[in-house]
Amino acid sequence: MSETVQEPTEAGQSAEEPLEAGQERSNTETLLVQEGDVAGDYLERLLDLLDYDGDIDLDVEAGRAVVSIDGGSDLEKLVGSRGQVLEALQELTRLAVQQNSGVRSRLMLDVSGWRAGRRDELSTLGKDTAKTVLETGEETRLRPMTPFERKIIHDAVASVDGVHGESEGEEPSRKVVVYKSS
């Protein structure tokens, strides 16, 4: 999909000129950086209110703003049991960005590297489960997971030939089922 810019012609008419691919990517990245800045400001105020120490890092990865908070020992309270507080905080941060920009945000929030560590654990679980299903031929249902967790499991299962995964159920009890391919 190509964006266009309206440029005036000599006769005062507008002519559409396509943006270069680099310009389109640059515009998208600029919007994501702005999204990260709004999220960073929101989270900075929250940390101040809670009197928590933390450093906020903003980045853009895979077409989304990524905000990380690292630092003090109090931050684990912002993760909660199985990341439930982190999920809620991420959603509140997305809403703050949406309120500021008018656009729904897909930003990813990580606190104290919890998501990065969880990603590694789930990737291993997904691959191990896929290999077991491949060997035994028996389908396996995993426990209910968040959309973030299910995505990682699906990616890991997809990396093993001969098996596939499907999500079933309704939130918050939605889970991945791994099947041997026929």
N, C-alpha and C. Protein backbone atom coordinates (compact mmCIF):
# COMPACT_ATOMS: atom_id res chain seq x y z
N MET A 1 0.86 -1.16 0.00
CA MET A 1 0.00 0.00 0.00
C MET A 1 0.90 1.22 0.00
N SER A 2 0.62 2.16 -0.87
CA SER A 2 1.46 3.34 -1.01
C SER A 2 0.69 4.58 -0.57
N GLU A 3 1.32 5.40 0.24
CA GLU A 3 0.72 6.66 0.64
C GLU A 3 1.00 7.69 -0.44
N THR A 4 0.20 8.73 -0.48
CA THR A 4 0.44 9.79 -1.45
C THR A 4 0.50 11.12 -0.75
N VAL A 5 1.19 12.06 -1.39
CA VAL A 5 1.30 13.41 -0.88
C VAL A 5 0.73 14.33 -1.94
N GLN A 6 -0.07 15.29 -1.55
CA GLN A 6 -0.61 16.26 -2.49
C GLN A 6 0.41 17.36 -2.75
N GLU A 7 0.84 17.49 -3.99
CA GLU A 7 1.78 18.53 -4.38
C GLU A 7 1.08 19.46 -5.36
N PRO A 8 1.20 20.78 -5.20
CA PRO A 8 0.58 21.68 -6.17
C PRO A 8 1.33 21.64 -7.50
N THR A 9 0.56 21.71 -8.60
CA THR A 9 1.17 21.78 -9.93
C THR A 9 1.26 23.23 -10.32
N GLU A 10 1.85 23.49 -11.48
CA GLU A 10 2.01 24.88 -11.91
C GLU A 10 0.69 25.58 -12.08
N ALA A 11 -0.35 24.87 -12.47
CA ALA A 11 -1.66 25.48 -12.68
C ALA A 11 -2.43 25.60 -11.38
N GLY A 12 -1.80 25.28 -10.24
CA GLY A 12 -2.47 25.38 -8.96
C GLY A 12 -3.28 24.15 -8.62
N GLN A 13 -3.29 23.14 -9.50
CA GLN A 13 -4.00 21.90 -9.25
C GLN A 13 -3.15 21.00 -8.38
N SER A 14 -3.78 20.02 -7.72
CA SER A 14 -3.04 19.04 -6.93
C SER A 14 -2.78 17.81 -7.78
N ALA A 15 -1.59 17.30 -7.68
CA ALA A 15 -1.24 16.04 -8.33
C ALA A 15 -0.71 15.10 -7.26
N GLU A 16 -1.11 13.84 -7.32
CA GLU A 16 -0.64 12.90 -6.32
C GLU A 16 0.71 12.34 -6.72
N GLU A 17 1.63 12.38 -5.80
CA GLU A 17 2.95 11.80 -6.03
C GLU A 17 3.17 10.73 -4.97
N PRO A 18 3.56 9.53 -5.38
CA PRO A 18 3.76 8.47 -4.38
C PRO A 18 4.95 8.77 -3.49
N LEU A 19 4.81 8.40 -2.22
CA LEU A 19 5.93 8.50 -1.29
C LEU A 19 6.91 7.38 -1.56
N GLU A 20 8.14 7.65 -1.39
CA GLU A 20 9.16 6.61 -1.47
C GLU A 20 8.95 5.64 -0.32
N ALA A 21 9.37 4.39 -0.49
CA ALA A 21 9.21 3.38 0.56
C ALA A 21 9.88 3.82 1.85
N GLY A 22 11.03 4.44 1.77
CA GLY A 22 11.74 4.92 2.95
C GLY A 22 10.96 5.99 3.69
N GLN A 23 10.27 6.87 2.94
CA GLN A 23 9.46 7.91 3.58
C GLN A 23 8.30 7.29 4.34
N GLU A 24 7.64 6.29 3.72
CA GLU A 24 6.51 5.64 4.37
C GLU A 24 6.96 4.96 5.66
N ARG A 25 8.08 4.26 5.59
CA ARG A 25 8.60 3.57 6.76
C ARG A 25 9.00 4.60 7.82
N SER A 26 9.60 5.70 7.38
CA SER A 26 10.02 6.74 8.30
C SER A 26 8.82 7.36 9.02
N ASN A 27 7.74 7.60 8.27
CA ASN A 27 6.53 8.17 8.88
C ASN A 27 5.94 7.22 9.91
N THR A 28 5.90 5.94 9.57
CA THR A 28 5.38 4.94 10.50
C THR A 28 6.24 4.88 11.75
N GLU A 29 7.55 4.85 11.56
CA GLU A 29 8.45 4.78 12.70
C GLU A 29 8.33 6.03 13.56
N THR A 30 8.18 7.19 12.95
CA THR A 30 8.00 8.43 13.69
C THR A 30 6.75 8.37 14.56
N LEU A 31 5.65 7.84 14.00
CA LEU A 31 4.41 7.70 14.78
C LEU A 31 4.61 6.73 15.95
N LEU A 32 5.35 5.65 15.72
CA LEU A 32 5.60 4.69 16.79
C LEU A 32 6.48 5.28 17.88
N VAL A 33 7.45 6.11 17.49
CA VAL A 33 8.30 6.78 18.48
C VAL A 33 7.45 7.75 19.30
N GLN A 34 6.54 8.47 18.65
CA GLN A 34 5.65 9.37 19.38
C GLN A 34 4.76 8.58 20.34
N GLU A 35 4.29 7.42 19.89
CA GLU A 35 3.48 6.55 20.74
C GLU A 35 4.29 6.15 21.98
N GLY A 36 5.53 5.77 21.76
CA GLY A 36 6.41 5.39 22.86
C GLY A 36 6.66 6.54 23.82
N ASP A 37 6.80 7.75 23.28
CA ASP A 37 7.00 8.93 24.13
C ASP A 37 5.80 9.19 25.03
N VAL A 38 4.60 9.09 24.45
CA VAL A 38 3.38 9.29 25.25
C VAL A 38 3.29 8.22 26.34
N ALA A 39 3.57 6.98 25.96
CA ALA A 39 3.54 5.87 26.93
C ALA A 39 4.59 6.09 28.02
N GLY A 40 5.78 6.52 27.62
CA GLY A 40 6.85 6.77 28.59
C GLY A 40 6.47 7.84 29.59
N ASP A 41 5.86 8.93 29.10
CA ASP A 41 5.42 9.99 30.00
C ASP A 41 4.36 9.50 30.98
N TYR A 42 3.41 8.71 30.46
CA TYR A 42 2.35 8.15 31.30
C TYR A 42 2.95 7.27 32.40
N LEU A 43 3.86 6.39 32.00
CA LEU A 43 4.47 5.46 32.95
C LEU A 43 5.38 6.18 33.95
N GLU A 44 6.04 7.22 33.50
CA GLU A 44 6.90 8.01 34.40
C GLU A 44 6.05 8.64 35.52
N ARG A 45 4.89 9.20 35.14
CA ARG A 45 4.00 9.77 36.15
C ARG A 45 3.50 8.70 37.12
N LEU A 46 3.20 7.51 36.58
CA LEU A 46 2.74 6.41 37.43
C LEU A 46 3.83 6.00 38.41
N LEU A 47 5.05 5.84 37.94
CA LEU A 47 6.16 5.48 38.83
C LEU A 47 6.36 6.53 39.91
N ASP A 48 6.23 7.80 39.54
CA ASP A 48 6.36 8.88 40.52
C ASP A 48 5.27 8.79 41.59
N LEU A 49 4.03 8.54 41.15
CA LEU A 49 2.92 8.41 42.10
C LEU A 49 3.13 7.25 43.06
N LEU A 50 3.67 6.15 42.54
CA LEU A 50 3.90 4.96 43.36
C LEU A 50 5.19 5.06 44.18
N ASP A 51 6.00 6.05 43.85
CA ASP A 51 7.32 6.23 44.46
C ASP A 51 8.21 5.00 44.20
N TYR A 52 8.16 4.50 42.95
CA TYR A 52 8.99 3.38 42.51
C TYR A 52 10.14 3.93 41.68
N ASP A 53 11.31 3.32 41.82
CA ASP A 53 12.45 3.67 40.98
C ASP A 53 12.41 2.80 39.74
N GLY A 54 12.65 3.42 38.61
CA GLY A 54 12.70 2.65 37.36
C GLY A 54 13.16 3.51 36.22
N ASP A 55 13.89 2.88 35.30
CA ASP A 55 14.33 3.55 34.09
C ASP A 55 13.45 3.07 32.94
N ILE A 56 12.98 4.01 32.14
CA ILE A 56 12.10 3.69 31.03
C ILE A 56 12.90 3.76 29.74
N ASP A 57 12.80 2.68 28.96
CA ASP A 57 13.49 2.59 27.68
C ASP A 57 12.45 2.46 26.58
N LEU A 58 12.58 3.26 25.53
CA LEU A 58 11.64 3.25 24.43
C LEU A 58 12.34 2.71 23.18
N ASP A 59 11.64 1.88 22.42
CA ASP A 59 12.21 1.30 21.21
C ASP A 59 11.08 1.01 20.23
N VAL A 60 11.44 0.70 19.00
CA VAL A 60 10.49 0.26 17.99
C VAL A 60 11.00 -1.07 17.46
N GLU A 61 10.17 -2.11 17.58
CA GLU A 61 10.53 -3.45 17.10
C GLU A 61 9.34 -4.06 16.40
N ALA A 62 9.60 -4.67 15.26
CA ALA A 62 8.57 -5.41 14.51
C ALA A 62 7.29 -4.61 14.33
N GLY A 63 7.42 -3.34 14.01
CA GLY A 63 6.26 -2.51 13.71
C GLY A 63 5.41 -2.14 14.91
N ARG A 64 6.00 -2.13 16.09
CA ARG A 64 5.26 -1.68 17.27
C ARG A 64 6.20 -1.00 18.24
N ALA A 65 5.63 -0.08 19.02
CA ALA A 65 6.40 0.59 20.06
C ALA A 65 6.61 -0.40 21.20
N VAL A 66 7.82 -0.41 21.73
CA VAL A 66 8.16 -1.28 22.85
C VAL A 66 8.68 -0.40 23.98
N VAL A 67 8.06 -0.52 25.14
CA VAL A 67 8.44 0.27 26.30
C VAL A 67 8.87 -0.71 27.40
N SER A 68 10.06 -0.48 27.94
CA SER A 68 10.58 -1.35 29.00
C SER A 68 10.86 -0.51 30.24
N ILE A 69 10.53 -1.07 31.39
CA ILE A 69 10.85 -0.43 32.66
C ILE A 69 11.78 -1.37 33.41
N ASP A 70 12.94 -0.87 33.77
CA ASP A 70 13.91 -1.66 34.54
C ASP A 70 14.37 -0.85 35.73
N GLY A 71 14.80 -1.54 36.76
CA GLY A 71 15.32 -0.81 37.91
C GLY A 71 15.02 -1.46 39.23
N GLY A 72 14.35 -0.71 40.09
CA GLY A 72 14.15 -1.07 41.49
C GLY A 72 13.42 -2.38 41.72
N SER A 73 13.59 -2.89 42.93
CA SER A 73 12.98 -4.17 43.32
C SER A 73 11.46 -4.08 43.43
N ASP A 74 10.92 -2.88 43.61
CA ASP A 74 9.46 -2.72 43.69
C ASP A 74 8.76 -3.06 42.38
N LEU A 75 9.52 -3.05 41.29
CA LEU A 75 8.90 -3.22 39.98
C LEU A 75 8.24 -4.58 39.79
N GLU A 76 8.68 -5.60 40.53
CA GLU A 76 8.05 -6.92 40.38
C GLU A 76 6.57 -6.85 40.76
N LYS A 77 6.18 -5.88 41.57
CA LYS A 77 4.77 -5.71 41.92
C LYS A 77 3.97 -5.28 40.69
N LEU A 78 4.65 -4.65 39.71
CA LEU A 78 3.98 -4.23 38.48
C LEU A 78 3.83 -5.38 37.49
N VAL A 79 4.42 -6.53 37.79
CA VAL A 79 4.27 -7.71 36.96
C VAL A 79 3.12 -8.57 37.49
N GLY A 80 3.13 -8.81 38.80
CA GLY A 80 2.07 -9.60 39.42
C GLY A 80 2.19 -11.08 39.12
N SER A 81 1.21 -11.82 39.60
CA SER A 81 1.18 -13.27 39.41
C SER A 81 0.93 -13.59 37.93
N ARG A 82 1.86 -14.35 37.33
CA ARG A 82 1.76 -14.74 35.92
C ARG A 82 1.56 -13.56 34.98
N GLY A 83 2.04 -12.39 35.36
CA GLY A 83 2.00 -11.23 34.49
C GLY A 83 0.66 -10.53 34.40
N GLN A 84 -0.25 -10.84 35.32
CA GLN A 84 -1.59 -10.26 35.25
C GLN A 84 -1.58 -8.74 35.45
N VAL A 85 -0.78 -8.26 36.38
CA VAL A 85 -0.72 -6.81 36.61
C VAL A 85 -0.06 -6.14 35.40
N LEU A 86 0.96 -6.77 34.85
CA LEU A 86 1.63 -6.24 33.67
C LEU A 86 0.66 -6.13 32.49
N GLU A 87 -0.16 -7.14 32.27
CA GLU A 87 -1.16 -7.10 31.20
C GLU A 87 -2.12 -5.92 31.39
N ALA A 88 -2.57 -5.72 32.62
CA ALA A 88 -3.50 -4.62 32.91
C ALA A 88 -2.81 -3.28 32.72
N LEU A 89 -1.57 -3.17 33.18
CA LEU A 89 -0.81 -1.92 33.02
C LEU A 89 -0.55 -1.63 31.55
N GLN A 90 -0.26 -2.66 30.78
CA GLN A 90 -0.07 -2.47 29.34
C GLN A 90 -1.35 -1.93 28.70
N GLU A 91 -2.49 -2.49 29.09
CA GLU A 91 -3.76 -2.03 28.52
C GLU A 91 -4.05 -0.58 28.91
N LEU A 92 -3.78 -0.22 30.16
CA LEU A 92 -3.98 1.17 30.59
C LEU A 92 -3.05 2.12 29.82
N THR A 93 -1.83 1.67 29.58
CA THR A 93 -0.88 2.50 28.84
C THR A 93 -1.34 2.66 27.39
N ARG A 94 -1.84 1.58 26.80
CA ARG A 94 -2.38 1.67 25.43
C ARG A 94 -3.55 2.65 25.37
N LEU A 95 -4.39 2.62 26.40
CA LEU A 95 -5.53 3.56 26.43
C LEU A 95 -5.06 5.00 26.58
N ALA A 96 -4.01 5.23 27.36
CA ALA A 96 -3.46 6.58 27.49
C ALA A 96 -2.93 7.07 26.15
N VAL A 97 -2.28 6.20 25.41
CA VAL A 97 -1.77 6.57 24.08
C VAL A 97 -2.94 6.84 23.14
N GLN A 98 -3.96 5.99 23.19
CA GLN A 98 -5.12 6.19 22.33
C GLN A 98 -5.83 7.51 22.64
N GLN A 99 -5.93 7.84 23.91
CA GLN A 99 -6.57 9.09 24.30
C GLN A 99 -5.80 10.28 23.75
N ASN A 100 -4.48 10.17 23.72
CA ASN A 100 -3.63 11.26 23.23
C ASN A 100 -3.63 11.34 21.71
N SER A 101 -3.61 10.18 21.04
CA SER A 101 -3.44 10.17 19.59
C SER A 101 -4.72 9.93 18.80
N GLY A 102 -5.72 9.33 19.45
CA GLY A 102 -6.95 8.99 18.75
C GLY A 102 -6.84 7.69 17.97
N VAL A 103 -5.70 7.01 18.09
CA VAL A 103 -5.46 5.76 17.35
C VAL A 103 -5.18 4.64 18.34
N ARG A 104 -5.76 3.46 18.09
CA ARG A 104 -5.54 2.29 18.95
C ARG A 104 -4.08 1.88 18.87
N SER A 105 -3.46 1.71 20.02
CA SER A 105 -2.05 1.36 20.11
C SER A 105 -1.85 -0.14 20.24
N ARG A 106 -0.74 -0.63 19.67
CA ARG A 106 -0.35 -2.04 19.82
C ARG A 106 0.93 -2.14 20.63
N LEU A 107 1.26 -1.12 21.39
CA LEU A 107 2.54 -1.12 22.08
C LEU A 107 2.68 -2.30 23.03
N MET A 108 3.92 -2.70 23.21
CA MET A 108 4.25 -3.81 24.10
C MET A 108 4.99 -3.23 25.29
N LEU A 109 4.58 -3.63 26.48
CA LEU A 109 5.21 -3.17 27.72
C LEU A 109 5.89 -4.35 28.39
N ASP A 110 7.12 -4.12 28.85
CA ASP A 110 7.84 -5.13 29.62
C ASP A 110 8.34 -4.46 30.89
N VAL A 111 8.31 -5.21 31.98
CA VAL A 111 8.79 -4.71 33.26
C VAL A 111 9.83 -5.70 33.79
N SER A 112 11.01 -5.18 34.08
CA SER A 112 12.11 -5.98 34.63
C SER A 112 12.44 -7.22 33.80
N GLY A 113 12.26 -7.13 32.48
CA GLY A 113 12.59 -8.24 31.60
C GLY A 113 11.68 -9.45 31.73
N TRP A 114 10.52 -9.28 32.38
CA TRP A 114 9.62 -10.41 32.60
C TRP A 114 9.14 -11.02 31.28
N ARG A 115 8.70 -10.18 30.35
CA ARG A 115 8.20 -10.71 29.07
C ARG A 115 9.30 -11.43 28.30
N ALA A 116 10.49 -10.88 28.29
CA ALA A 116 11.59 -11.52 27.58
C ALA A 116 11.86 -12.91 28.15
N GLY A 117 11.90 -13.03 29.46
CA GLY A 117 12.11 -14.33 30.09
C GLY A 117 10.94 -15.28 29.83
N ARG A 118 9.75 -14.75 29.88
CA ARG A 118 8.55 -15.55 29.64
C ARG A 118 8.53 -16.05 28.20
N ARG A 119 8.97 -15.20 27.27
CA ARG A 119 9.02 -15.57 25.85
C ARG A 119 9.91 -16.81 25.68
N ASP A 120 11.07 -16.82 26.34
CA ASP A 120 11.99 -17.96 26.25
C ASP A 120 11.35 -19.23 26.82
N GLU A 121 10.71 -19.10 27.99
CA GLU A 121 10.05 -20.26 28.62
C GLU A 121 8.96 -20.84 27.71
N LEU A 122 8.13 -19.96 27.16
CA LEU A 122 7.01 -20.41 26.34
C LEU A 122 7.48 -21.00 25.02
N SER A 123 8.52 -20.45 24.46
CA SER A 123 9.07 -20.98 23.22
C SER A 123 9.55 -22.41 23.44
N THR A 124 10.24 -22.63 24.55
CA THR A 124 10.70 -23.98 24.89
C THR A 124 9.51 -24.91 25.11
N LEU A 125 8.50 -24.45 25.85
CA LEU A 125 7.30 -25.25 26.09
C LEU A 125 6.62 -25.62 24.77
N GLY A 126 6.48 -24.66 23.87
CA GLY A 126 5.83 -24.91 22.59
C GLY A 126 6.57 -25.94 21.75
N LYS A 127 7.89 -25.80 21.68
CA LYS A 127 8.69 -26.76 20.89
C LYS A 127 8.68 -28.14 21.52
N ASP A 128 8.82 -28.21 22.84
CA ASP A 128 8.80 -29.51 23.53
C ASP A 128 7.45 -30.20 23.37
N THR A 129 6.38 -29.44 23.50
CA THR A 129 5.04 -30.01 23.33
C THR A 129 4.85 -30.51 21.91
N ALA A 130 5.29 -29.73 20.93
CA ALA A 130 5.16 -30.13 19.53
C ALA A 130 5.92 -31.43 19.26
N LYS A 131 7.11 -31.54 19.80
CA LYS A 131 7.92 -32.76 19.60
C LYS A 131 7.25 -33.97 20.26
N THR A 132 6.68 -33.78 21.44
CA THR A 132 5.98 -34.87 22.12
C THR A 132 4.77 -35.32 21.32
N VAL A 133 3.99 -34.37 20.80
CA VAL A 133 2.81 -34.69 19.99
C VAL A 133 3.25 -35.42 18.73
N LEU A 134 4.34 -35.00 18.12
CA LEU A 134 4.86 -35.64 16.92
C LEU A 134 5.23 -37.10 17.21
N GLU A 135 5.85 -37.35 18.36
CA GLU A 135 6.28 -38.70 18.74
C GLU A 135 5.10 -39.60 19.13
N THR A 136 4.17 -39.06 19.92
CA THR A 136 3.08 -39.89 20.46
C THR A 136 1.85 -39.90 19.56
N GLY A 137 1.66 -38.85 18.78
CA GLY A 137 0.47 -38.74 17.94
C GLY A 137 -0.75 -38.27 18.70
N GLU A 138 -0.60 -38.03 20.01
CA GLU A 138 -1.73 -37.60 20.83
C GLU A 138 -1.77 -36.08 20.95
N GLU A 139 -2.94 -35.50 20.72
CA GLU A 139 -3.09 -34.05 20.87
C GLU A 139 -2.86 -33.64 22.31
N THR A 140 -2.38 -32.41 22.47
CA THR A 140 -2.12 -31.89 23.81
C THR A 140 -2.76 -30.52 23.97
N ARG A 141 -3.50 -30.35 25.05
CA ARG A 141 -4.10 -29.06 25.39
C ARG A 141 -3.25 -28.42 26.48
N LEU A 142 -2.85 -27.18 26.24
CA LEU A 142 -2.09 -26.44 27.24
C LEU A 142 -3.04 -25.64 28.11
N ARG A 143 -2.55 -25.16 29.22
CA ARG A 143 -3.39 -24.39 30.14
C ARG A 143 -3.81 -23.07 29.47
N PRO A 144 -4.85 -22.42 29.98
CA PRO A 144 -5.26 -21.12 29.42
C PRO A 144 -4.11 -20.11 29.47
N MET A 145 -4.04 -19.29 28.41
CA MET A 145 -2.96 -18.31 28.30
C MET A 145 -3.49 -17.00 27.75
N THR A 146 -2.69 -15.96 27.96
CA THR A 146 -3.00 -14.64 27.40
C THR A 146 -2.71 -14.66 25.89
N PRO A 147 -3.22 -13.69 25.15
CA PRO A 147 -2.90 -13.62 23.72
C PRO A 147 -1.38 -13.57 23.46
N PHE A 148 -0.65 -12.82 24.27
CA PHE A 148 0.81 -12.75 24.15
C PHE A 148 1.42 -14.15 24.27
N GLU A 149 0.99 -14.90 25.26
CA GLU A 149 1.55 -16.24 25.49
C GLU A 149 1.16 -17.21 24.37
N ARG A 150 -0.10 -17.14 23.93
CA ARG A 150 -0.54 -18.04 22.85
C ARG A 150 0.22 -17.79 21.56
N LYS A 151 0.49 -16.54 21.26
CA LYS A 151 1.23 -16.20 20.03
C LYS A 151 2.60 -16.84 20.05
N ILE A 152 3.28 -16.79 21.17
CA ILE A 152 4.61 -17.39 21.28
C ILE A 152 4.53 -18.90 21.11
N ILE A 153 3.53 -19.52 21.74
CA ILE A 153 3.35 -20.97 21.60
C ILE A 153 3.08 -21.33 20.14
N HIS A 154 2.18 -20.60 19.48
CA HIS A 154 1.88 -20.88 18.08
C HIS A 154 3.13 -20.77 17.21
N ASP A 155 3.93 -19.74 17.42
CA ASP A 155 5.16 -19.56 16.64
C ASP A 155 6.12 -20.73 16.87
N ALA A 156 6.25 -21.17 18.12
CA ALA A 156 7.15 -22.28 18.44
C ALA A 156 6.64 -23.59 17.82
N VAL A 157 5.34 -23.84 17.91
CA VAL A 157 4.77 -25.06 17.33
C VAL A 157 4.95 -25.05 15.81
N ALA A 158 4.77 -23.89 15.19
CA ALA A 158 4.91 -23.78 13.73
C ALA A 158 6.33 -24.08 13.26
N SER A 159 7.29 -23.97 14.15
CA SER A 159 8.68 -24.23 13.77
C SER A 159 9.00 -25.73 13.73
N VAL A 160 8.05 -26.57 14.13
CA VAL A 160 8.25 -28.03 14.13
C VAL A 160 7.37 -28.63 13.04
N ASP A 161 8.00 -29.27 12.05
CA ASP A 161 7.26 -29.91 10.96
C ASP A 161 6.46 -31.10 11.47
N GLY A 162 5.24 -31.26 10.92
CA GLY A 162 4.43 -32.42 11.26
C GLY A 162 3.39 -32.19 12.34
N VAL A 163 3.35 -30.98 12.89
CA VAL A 163 2.35 -30.64 13.91
C VAL A 163 1.79 -29.25 13.61
N HIS A 164 0.66 -28.95 14.21
CA HIS A 164 0.10 -27.60 14.12
C HIS A 164 -0.68 -27.32 15.40
N GLY A 165 -0.88 -26.04 15.68
CA GLY A 165 -1.61 -25.63 16.87
C GLY A 165 -2.82 -24.81 16.51
N GLU A 166 -3.83 -24.90 17.36
CA GLU A 166 -5.04 -24.10 17.21
C GLU A 166 -5.45 -23.59 18.59
N SER A 167 -6.02 -22.39 18.61
CA SER A 167 -6.55 -21.87 19.87
C SER A 167 -8.02 -22.24 19.98
N GLU A 168 -8.44 -22.56 21.20
CA GLU A 168 -9.85 -22.88 21.42
C GLU A 168 -10.31 -22.26 22.73
N GLY A 169 -11.62 -22.08 22.84
CA GLY A 169 -12.19 -21.53 24.06
C GLY A 169 -12.38 -20.03 23.98
N GLU A 170 -12.92 -19.50 25.04
CA GLU A 170 -13.19 -18.06 25.14
C GLU A 170 -12.28 -17.45 26.20
N GLU A 171 -11.94 -16.17 26.02
CA GLU A 171 -11.13 -15.47 27.02
C GLU A 171 -11.89 -15.47 28.34
N PRO A 172 -11.29 -15.61 29.44
CA PRO A 172 -9.85 -15.73 29.70
C PRO A 172 -9.38 -17.19 29.75
N SER A 173 -10.21 -18.12 29.29
CA SER A 173 -9.85 -19.53 29.35
C SER A 173 -9.39 -20.08 28.01
N ARG A 174 -9.00 -19.19 27.11
CA ARG A 174 -8.55 -19.61 25.78
C ARG A 174 -7.19 -20.30 25.89
N LYS A 175 -7.06 -21.44 25.18
CA LYS A 175 -5.83 -22.23 25.28
C LYS A 175 -5.41 -22.73 23.90
N VAL A 176 -4.17 -23.18 23.82
CA VAL A 176 -3.63 -23.75 22.59
C VAL A 176 -3.73 -25.26 22.66
N VAL A 177 -4.17 -25.87 21.55
CA VAL A 177 -4.20 -27.32 21.41
C VAL A 177 -3.24 -27.66 20.28
N VAL A 178 -2.33 -28.61 20.53
CA VAL A 178 -1.35 -29.01 19.53
C VAL A 178 -1.75 -30.36 18.98
N TYR A 179 -1.80 -30.49 17.65
CA TYR A 179 -2.22 -31.69 16.95
C TYR A 179 -1.10 -32.18 16.03
N LYS A 180 -1.07 -33.47 15.80
CA LYS A 180 -0.21 -34.02 14.78
C LYS A 180 -0.89 -33.78 13.44
N SER A 181 -0.14 -33.31 12.45
CA SER A 181 -0.69 -33.05 11.13
C SER A 181 -0.94 -34.38 10.41
N SER A 182 -2.01 -34.42 9.61
CA SER A 182 -2.30 -35.67 8.92
C SER A 182 -1.72 -35.69 7.53
